[in-house]
Amino acid sequence: GKDWTNPINYDIVLNSDRVGRDKCVELVKD
């Protein structure tokens, strides 16, 4: 019954449009 979009489920939540997909890669690596 968990909500797939609940940010509590995750370490990181990223907006790929605002950040940019390449920057998302860099942020996860960081």
PDB file of all heavy atoms in Angstrom:
ATOM      1  N   GLY A   1       0.772  -1.232   0.000  1.00  0.00           N
ATOM      2  CA  GLY A   1       0.000   0.000   0.000  1.00  0.00           C
ATOM      3  C   GLY A   1       0.800   1.276   0.000  1.00  0.00           C
ATOM      4  O   GLY A   1       0.231   2.367   0.166  1.00  0.00           O
ATOM      5  N   LYS A   2       2.094   1.206  -0.202  1.00  0.00           N
ATOM      6  CA  LYS A   2       2.910   2.411  -0.202  1.00  0.00           C
ATOM      7  C   LYS A   2       2.668   3.236  -1.470  1.00  0.00           C
ATOM      8  O   LYS A   2       2.340   2.708  -2.524  1.00  0.00           O
ATOM      9  CB  LYS A   2       4.400   2.063  -0.100  1.00  0.00           C
ATOM     10  CG  LYS A   2       4.826   1.596   1.279  1.00  0.00           C
ATOM     11  CD  LYS A   2       6.331   1.470   1.353  1.00  0.00           C
ATOM     12  CE  LYS A   2       6.791   1.101   2.771  1.00  0.00           C
ATOM     13  NZ  LYS A   2       8.264   0.996   2.847  1.00  0.00           N
ATOM     14  N   ASP A   3       2.858   4.549  -1.322  1.00  0.00           N
ATOM     15  CA  ASP A   3       2.712   5.483  -2.434  1.00  0.00           C
ATOM     16  C   ASP A   3       4.022   5.568  -3.195  1.00  0.00           C
ATOM     17  O   ASP A   3       5.048   5.972  -2.637  1.00  0.00           O
ATOM     18  CB  ASP A   3       2.318   6.859  -1.893  1.00  0.00           C
ATOM     19  CG  ASP A   3       2.139   7.897  -2.991  1.00  0.00           C
ATOM     20  OD1 ASP A   3       2.292   7.562  -4.172  1.00  0.00           O
ATOM     21  OD2 ASP A   3       1.842   9.049  -2.647  1.00  0.00           O
ATOM     22  N   TRP A   4       3.979   5.219  -4.457  1.00  0.00           N
ATOM     23  CA  TRP A   4       5.161   5.195  -5.316  1.00  0.00           C
ATOM     24  C   TRP A   4       5.873   6.544  -5.388  1.00  0.00           C
ATOM     25  O   TRP A   4       7.100   6.619  -5.492  1.00  0.00           O
ATOM     26  CB  TRP A   4       4.691   4.737  -6.697  1.00  0.00           C
ATOM     27  CG  TRP A   4       5.571   4.985  -7.853  1.00  0.00           C
ATOM     28  CD1 TRP A   4       6.854   4.571  -8.018  1.00  0.00           C
ATOM     29  CD2 TRP A   4       5.222   5.665  -9.065  1.00  0.00           C
ATOM     30  NE1 TRP A   4       7.318   4.944  -9.253  1.00  0.00           N
ATOM     31  CE2 TRP A   4       6.339   5.622  -9.907  1.00  0.00           C
ATOM     32  CE3 TRP A   4       4.055   6.293  -9.513  1.00  0.00           C
ATOM     33  CZ2 TRP A   4       6.341   6.189 -11.183  1.00  0.00           C
ATOM     34  CZ3 TRP A   4       4.049   6.854 -10.772  1.00  0.00           C
ATOM     35  CH2 TRP A   4       5.189   6.802 -11.594  1.00  0.00           C
ATOM     36  N   THR A   5       5.133   7.653  -5.303  1.00  0.00           N
ATOM     37  CA  THR A   5       5.732   8.974  -5.456  1.00  0.00           C
ATOM     38  C   THR A   5       6.105   9.635  -4.134  1.00  0.00           C
ATOM     39  O   THR A   5       6.588  10.770  -4.125  1.00  0.00           O
ATOM     40  CB  THR A   5       4.777   9.907  -6.214  1.00  0.00           C
ATOM     41  OG1 THR A   5       3.576  10.076  -5.434  1.00  0.00           O
ATOM     42  CG2 THR A   5       4.407   9.340  -7.577  1.00  0.00           C
ATOM     43  N   ASN A   6       5.920   8.944  -3.015  1.00  0.00           N
ATOM     44  CA  ASN A   6       6.232   9.529  -1.706  1.00  0.00           C
ATOM     45  C   ASN A   6       7.742   9.721  -1.568  1.00  0.00           C
ATOM     46  O   ASN A   6       8.505   8.751  -1.611  1.00  0.00           O
ATOM     47  CB  ASN A   6       5.724   8.599  -0.606  1.00  0.00           C
ATOM     48  CG  ASN A   6       5.830   9.235   0.774  1.00  0.00           C
ATOM     49  OD1 ASN A   6       6.602  10.169   0.996  1.00  0.00           O
ATOM     50  ND2 ASN A   6       5.058   8.714   1.718  1.00  0.00           N
ATOM     51  N   PRO A   7       8.215  10.954  -1.371  1.00  0.00           N
ATOM     52  CA  PRO A   7       9.659  11.180  -1.299  1.00  0.00           C
ATOM     53  C   PRO A   7      10.336  10.476  -0.123  1.00  0.00           C
ATOM     54  O   PRO A   7      11.552  10.262  -0.145  1.00  0.00           O
ATOM     55  CB  PRO A   7       9.765  12.709  -1.166  1.00  0.00           C
ATOM     56  CG  PRO A   7       8.437  13.162  -0.662  1.00  0.00           C
ATOM     57  CD  PRO A   7       7.443  12.209  -1.241  1.00  0.00           C
ATOM     58  N   ILE A   8       9.556  10.112   0.884  1.00  0.00           N
ATOM     59  CA  ILE A   8      10.127   9.410   2.035  1.00  0.00           C
ATOM     60  C   ILE A   8      10.717   8.060   1.634  1.00  0.00           C
ATOM     61  O   ILE A   8      11.609   7.525   2.298  1.00  0.00           O
ATOM     62  CB  ILE A   8       9.049   9.214   3.131  1.00  0.00           C
ATOM     63  CG1 ILE A   8       8.550  10.570   3.624  1.00  0.00           C
ATOM     64  CG2 ILE A   8       9.581   8.395   4.302  1.00  0.00           C
ATOM     65  CD1 ILE A   8       9.628  11.433   4.226  1.00  0.00           C
ATOM     66  N   ASN A   9      10.249   7.501   0.520  1.00  0.00           N
ATOM     67  CA  ASN A   9      10.749   6.201   0.066  1.00  0.00           C
ATOM     68  C   ASN A   9      12.173   6.269  -0.471  1.00  0.00           C
ATOM     69  O   ASN A   9      12.811   5.230  -0.660  1.00  0.00           O
ATOM     70  CB  ASN A   9       9.852   5.639  -1.042  1.00  0.00           C
ATOM     71  CG  ASN A   9       8.425   5.416  -0.599  1.00  0.00           C
ATOM     72  OD1 ASN A   9       8.160   5.234   0.587  1.00  0.00           O
ATOM     73  ND2 ASN A   9       7.499   5.438  -1.543  1.00  0.00           N
ATOM     74  N   TYR A  10      12.670   7.465  -0.731  1.00  0.00           N
ATOM     75  CA  TYR A  10      13.904   7.613  -1.504  1.00  0.00           C
ATOM     76  C   TYR A  10      14.943   8.460  -0.776  1.00  0.00           C
ATOM     77  O   TYR A  10      14.619   9.282   0.076  1.00  0.00           O
ATOM     78  CB  TYR A  10      13.581   8.245  -2.863  1.00  0.00           C
ATOM     79  CG  TYR A  10      12.493   7.503  -3.602  1.00  0.00           C
ATOM     80  CD1 TYR A  10      11.165   7.948  -3.580  1.00  0.00           C
ATOM     81  CD2 TYR A  10      12.766   6.321  -4.283  1.00  0.00           C
ATOM     82  CE1 TYR A  10      10.161   7.253  -4.222  1.00  0.00           C
ATOM     83  CE2 TYR A  10      11.761   5.619  -4.940  1.00  0.00           C
ATOM     84  CZ  TYR A  10      10.458   6.086  -4.898  1.00  0.00           C
ATOM     85  OH  TYR A  10       9.457   5.394  -5.534  1.00  0.00           O
ATOM     86  N   ASP A  11      16.199   8.250  -1.164  1.00  0.00           N
ATOM     87  CA  ASP A  11      17.287   9.087  -0.666  1.00  0.00           C
ATOM     88  C   ASP A  11      17.291  10.442  -1.370  1.00  0.00           C
ATOM     89  O   ASP A  11      17.588  11.464  -0.759  1.00  0.00           O
ATOM     90  CB  ASP A  11      18.639   8.405  -0.906  1.00  0.00           C
ATOM     91  CG  ASP A  11      18.787   7.134  -0.114  1.00  0.00           C
ATOM     92  OD1 ASP A  11      19.181   7.217   1.053  1.00  0.00           O
ATOM     93  OD2 ASP A  11      18.510   6.049  -0.666  1.00  0.00           O
ATOM     94  N   ILE A  12      17.009  10.417  -2.674  1.00  0.00           N
ATOM     95  CA  ILE A  12      17.065  11.628  -3.490  1.00  0.00           C
ATOM     96  C   ILE A  12      15.839  11.688  -4.386  1.00  0.00           C
ATOM     97  O   ILE A  12      15.469  10.680  -5.004  1.00  0.00           O
ATOM     98  CB  ILE A  12      18.319  11.650  -4.395  1.00  0.00           C
ATOM     99  CG1 ILE A  12      19.602  11.378  -3.608  1.00  0.00           C
ATOM    100  CG2 ILE A  12      18.432  12.979  -5.130  1.00  0.00           C
ATOM    101  CD1 ILE A  12      20.825  11.257  -4.491  1.00  0.00           C
ATOM    102  N   VAL A  13      15.235  12.854  -4.489  1.00  0.00           N
ATOM    103  CA  VAL A  13      14.167  13.108  -5.457  1.00  0.00           C
ATOM    104  C   VAL A  13      14.616  14.266  -6.337  1.00  0.00           C
ATOM    105  O   VAL A  13      14.971  15.334  -5.828  1.00  0.00           O
ATOM    106  CB  VAL A  13      12.835  13.458  -4.751  1.00  0.00           C
ATOM    107  CG1 VAL A  13      11.762  13.774  -5.785  1.00  0.00           C
ATOM    108  CG2 VAL A  13      12.388  12.310  -3.854  1.00  0.00           C
ATOM    109  N   LEU A  14      14.617  14.058  -7.656  1.00  0.00           N
ATOM    110  CA  LEU A  14      15.131  15.056  -8.588  1.00  0.00           C
ATOM    111  C   LEU A  14      14.103  15.420  -9.650  1.00  0.00           C
ATOM    112  O   LEU A  14      13.414  14.546 -10.181  1.00  0.00           O
ATOM    113  CB  LEU A  14      16.398  14.533  -9.273  1.00  0.00           C
ATOM    114  CG  LEU A  14      17.610  14.292  -8.365  1.00  0.00           C
ATOM    115  CD1 LEU A  14      18.710  13.600  -9.148  1.00  0.00           C
ATOM    116  CD2 LEU A  14      18.110  15.598  -7.783  1.00  0.00           C
ATOM    117  N   ASN A  15      14.013  16.697  -9.954  1.00  0.00           N
ATOM    118  CA  ASN A  15      13.203  17.204 -11.061  1.00  0.00           C
ATOM    119  C   ASN A  15      14.125  17.297 -12.272  1.00  0.00           C
ATOM    120  O   ASN A  15      14.933  18.220 -12.378  1.00  0.00           O
ATOM    121  CB  ASN A  15      12.629  18.571 -10.691  1.00  0.00           C
ATOM    122  CG  ASN A  15      11.744  19.154 -11.781  1.00  0.00           C
ATOM    123  OD1 ASN A  15      11.913  18.882 -12.956  1.00  0.00           O
ATOM    124  ND2 ASN A  15      10.802  19.993 -11.376  1.00  0.00           N
ATOM    125  N   SER A  16      14.007  16.359 -13.198  1.00  0.00           N
ATOM    126  CA  SER A  16      14.947  16.287 -14.311  1.00  0.00           C
ATOM    127  C   SER A  16      14.806  17.443 -15.282  1.00  0.00           C
ATOM    128  O   SER A  16      15.760  17.773 -16.003  1.00  0.00           O
ATOM    129  CB  SER A  16      14.786  14.961 -15.057  1.00  0.00           C
ATOM    130  OG  SER A  16      13.480  14.839 -15.592  1.00  0.00           O
ATOM    131  N   ASP A  17      13.647  18.074 -15.321  1.00  0.00           N
ATOM    132  CA  ASP A  17      13.460  19.225 -16.204  1.00  0.00           C
ATOM    133  C   ASP A  17      14.136  20.456 -15.621  1.00  0.00           C
ATOM    134  O   ASP A  17      14.806  21.203 -16.327  1.00  0.00           O
ATOM    135  CB  ASP A  17      11.968  19.491 -16.404  1.00  0.00           C
ATOM    136  CG  ASP A  17      11.715  20.636 -17.374  1.00  0.00           C
ATOM    137  OD1 ASP A  17      12.178  20.561 -18.521  1.00  0.00           O
ATOM    138  OD2 ASP A  17      11.033  21.606 -16.972  1.00  0.00           O
ATOM    139  N   ARG A  18      13.986  20.663 -14.349  1.00  0.00           N
ATOM    140  CA  ARG A  18      14.581  21.835 -13.706  1.00  0.00           C
ATOM    141  C   ARG A  18      16.097  21.712 -13.613  1.00  0.00           C
ATOM    142  O   ARG A  18      16.830  22.677 -13.858  1.00  0.00           O
ATOM    143  CB  ARG A  18      13.981  22.027 -12.311  1.00  0.00           C
ATOM    144  CG  ARG A  18      14.504  23.254 -11.584  1.00  0.00           C
ATOM    145  CD  ARG A  18      13.765  23.454 -10.276  1.00  0.00           C
ATOM    146  NE  ARG A  18      12.349  23.748 -10.515  1.00  0.00           N
ATOM    147  CZ  ARG A  18      11.461  23.934  -9.539  1.00  0.00           C
ATOM    148  NH1 ARG A  18      11.841  23.832  -8.275  1.00  0.00           N
ATOM    149  NH2 ARG A  18      10.206  24.191  -9.827  1.00  0.00           N
ATOM    150  N   VAL A  19      16.580  20.533 -13.272  1.00  0.00           N
ATOM    151  CA  VAL A  19      18.015  20.329 -13.068  1.00  0.00           C
ATOM    152  C   VAL A  19      18.725  20.016 -14.383  1.00  0.00           C
ATOM    153  O   VAL A  19      19.857  20.427 -14.605  1.00  0.00           O
ATOM    154  CB  VAL A  19      18.250  19.188 -12.051  1.00  0.00           C
ATOM    155  CG1 VAL A  19      19.729  18.919 -11.858  1.00  0.00           C
ATOM    156  CG2 VAL A  19      17.592  19.522 -10.729  1.00  0.00           C
ATOM    157  N   GLY A  20      18.048  19.276 -15.252  1.00  0.00           N
ATOM    158  CA  GLY A  20      18.692  18.775 -16.473  1.00  0.00           C
ATOM    159  C   GLY A  20      19.155  17.346 -16.244  1.00  0.00           C
ATOM    160  O   GLY A  20      19.629  17.002 -15.157  1.00  0.00           O
ATOM    161  N   ARG A  21      18.996  16.510 -17.259  1.00  0.00           N
ATOM    162  CA  ARG A  21      19.304  15.090 -17.073  1.00  0.00           C
ATOM    163  C   ARG A  21      20.770  14.817 -16.814  1.00  0.00           C
ATOM    164  O   ARG A  21      21.118  13.973 -15.977  1.00  0.00           O
ATOM    165  CB  ARG A  21      18.798  14.300 -18.288  1.00  0.00           C
ATOM    166  CG  ARG A  21      17.274  14.369 -18.411  1.00  0.00           C
ATOM    167  CD  ARG A  21      16.730  13.577 -19.579  1.00  0.00           C
ATOM    168  NE  ARG A  21      15.281  13.753 -19.664  1.00  0.00           N
ATOM    169  CZ  ARG A  21      14.504  13.135 -20.533  1.00  0.00           C
ATOM    170  NH1 ARG A  21      15.047  12.287 -21.419  1.00  0.00           N
ATOM    171  NH2 ARG A  21      13.196  13.357 -20.544  1.00  0.00           N
ATOM    172  N   ASP A  22      21.652  15.527 -17.502  1.00  0.00           N
ATOM    173  CA  ASP A  22      23.082  15.335 -17.248  1.00  0.00           C
ATOM    174  C   ASP A  22      23.457  15.775 -15.840  1.00  0.00           C
ATOM    175  O   ASP A  22      24.284  15.132 -15.174  1.00  0.00           O
ATOM    176  CB  ASP A  22      23.913  16.108 -18.276  1.00  0.00           C
ATOM    177  CG  ASP A  22      23.853  15.493 -19.669  1.00  0.00           C
ATOM    178  OD1 ASP A  22      23.524  14.288 -19.767  1.00  0.00           O
ATOM    179  OD2 ASP A  22      24.134  16.209 -20.648  1.00  0.00           O
ATOM    180  N   LYS A  23      22.840  16.859 -15.379  1.00  0.00           N
ATOM    181  CA  LYS A  23      23.128  17.322 -14.013  1.00  0.00           C
ATOM    182  C   LYS A  23      22.564  16.348 -12.981  1.00  0.00           C
ATOM    183  O   LYS A  23      23.127  16.191 -11.892  1.00  0.00           O
ATOM    184  CB  LYS A  23      22.538  18.714 -13.791  1.00  0.00           C
ATOM    185  CG  LYS A  23      23.241  19.817 -14.566  1.00  0.00           C
ATOM    186  CD  LYS A  23      24.609  20.094 -13.984  1.00  0.00           C
ATOM    187  CE  LYS A  23      25.307  21.221 -14.745  1.00  0.00           C
ATOM    188  NZ  LYS A  23      24.620  22.510 -14.628  1.00  0.00           N
ATOM    189  N   CYS A  24      21.455  15.673 -13.326  1.00  0.00           N
ATOM    190  CA  CYS A  24      20.935  14.633 -12.422  1.00  0.00           C
ATOM    191  C   CYS A  24      21.973  13.534 -12.222  1.00  0.00           C
ATOM    192  O   CYS A  24      22.172  13.048 -11.107  1.00  0.00           O
ATOM    193  CB  CYS A  24      19.646  14.030 -12.993  1.00  0.00           C
ATOM    194  SG  CYS A  24      18.181  15.070 -12.824  1.00  0.00           S
ATOM    195  N   VAL A  25      22.619  13.153 -13.309  1.00  0.00           N
ATOM    196  CA  VAL A  25      23.678  12.137 -13.217  1.00  0.00           C
ATOM    197  C   VAL A  25      24.771  12.608 -12.270  1.00  0.00           C
ATOM    198  O   VAL A  25      25.224  11.858 -11.394  1.00  0.00           O
ATOM    199  CB  VAL A  25      24.271  11.841 -14.613  1.00  0.00           C
ATOM    200  CG1 VAL A  25      25.479  10.912 -14.505  1.00  0.00           C
ATOM    201  CG2 VAL A  25      23.212  11.216 -15.522  1.00  0.00           C
ATOM    202  N   GLU A  26      25.190  13.861 -12.430  1.00  0.00           N
ATOM    203  CA  GLU A  26      26.262  14.394 -11.589  1.00  0.00           C
ATOM    204  C   GLU A  26      25.838  14.481 -10.128  1.00  0.00           C
ATOM    205  O   GLU A  26      26.632  14.207  -9.219  1.00  0.00           O
ATOM    206  CB  GLU A  26      26.695  15.766 -12.102  1.00  0.00           C
ATOM    207  CG  GLU A  26      27.330  15.747 -13.485  1.00  0.00           C
ATOM    208  CD  GLU A  26      28.509  14.790 -13.566  1.00  0.00           C
ATOM    209  OE1 GLU A  26      29.363  14.822 -12.647  1.00  0.00           O
ATOM    210  OE2 GLU A  26      28.576  14.011 -14.530  1.00  0.00           O
ATOM    211  N   LEU A  27      24.592  14.862  -9.888  1.00  0.00           N
ATOM    212  CA  LEU A  27      24.100  14.960  -8.512  1.00  0.00           C
ATOM    213  C   LEU A  27      24.068  13.595  -7.823  1.00  0.00           C
ATOM    214  O   LEU A  27      24.425  13.481  -6.640  1.00  0.00           O
ATOM    215  CB  LEU A  27      22.705  15.588  -8.502  1.00  0.00           C
ATOM    216  CG  LEU A  27      22.661  17.102  -8.727  1.00  0.00           C
ATOM    217  CD1 LEU A  27      21.232  17.559  -8.980  1.00  0.00           C
ATOM    218  CD2 LEU A  27      23.237  17.851  -7.523  1.00  0.00           C
ATOM    219  N   VAL A  28      23.632  12.571  -8.560  1.00  0.00           N
ATOM    220  CA  VAL A  28      23.613  11.230  -7.973  1.00  0.00           C
ATOM    221  C   VAL A  28      25.036  10.766  -7.688  1.00  0.00           C
ATOM    222  O   VAL A  28      25.317  10.176  -6.634  1.00  0.00           O
ATOM    223  CB  VAL A  28      22.880  10.232  -8.885  1.00  0.00           C
ATOM    224  CG1 VAL A  28      22.966   8.818  -8.302  1.00  0.00           C
ATOM    225  CG2 VAL A  28      21.415  10.630  -9.059  1.00  0.00           C
ATOM    226  N   LYS A  29      25.946  11.048  -8.594  1.00  0.00           N
ATOM    227  CA  LYS A  29      27.351  10.688  -8.371  1.00  0.00           C
ATOM    228  C   LYS A  29      27.908  11.411  -7.140  1.00  0.00           C
ATOM    229  O   LYS A  29      28.646  10.813  -6.339  1.00  0.00           O
ATOM    230  CB  LYS A  29      28.185  11.019  -9.609  1.00  0.00           C
ATOM    231  CG  LYS A  29      27.958  10.064 -10.769  1.00  0.00           C
ATOM    232  CD  LYS A  29      28.505  10.585 -12.069  1.00  0.00           C
ATOM    233  CE  LYS A  29      29.982  10.821 -12.057  1.00  0.00           C
ATOM    234  NZ  LYS A  29      30.463  11.297 -13.384  1.00  0.00           N
ATOM    235  N   ASP A  30      27.550  12.677  -6.986  1.00  0.00           N
ATOM    236  CA  ASP A  30      27.996  13.417  -5.796  1.00  0.00           C
ATOM    237  C   ASP A  30      27.472  12.745  -4.527  1.00  0.00           C
ATOM    238  O   ASP A  30      28.205  12.624  -3.529  1.00  0.00           O
ATOM    239  CB  ASP A  30      27.500  14.864  -5.859  1.00  0.00           C
ATOM    240  CG  ASP A  30      28.263  15.708  -6.865  1.00  0.00           C
ATOM    241  OD1 ASP A  30      29.339  15.275  -7.316  1.00  0.00           O
ATOM    242  OD2 ASP A  30      27.767  16.801  -7.215  1.00  0.00           O
TER     243      ASP A  30
END
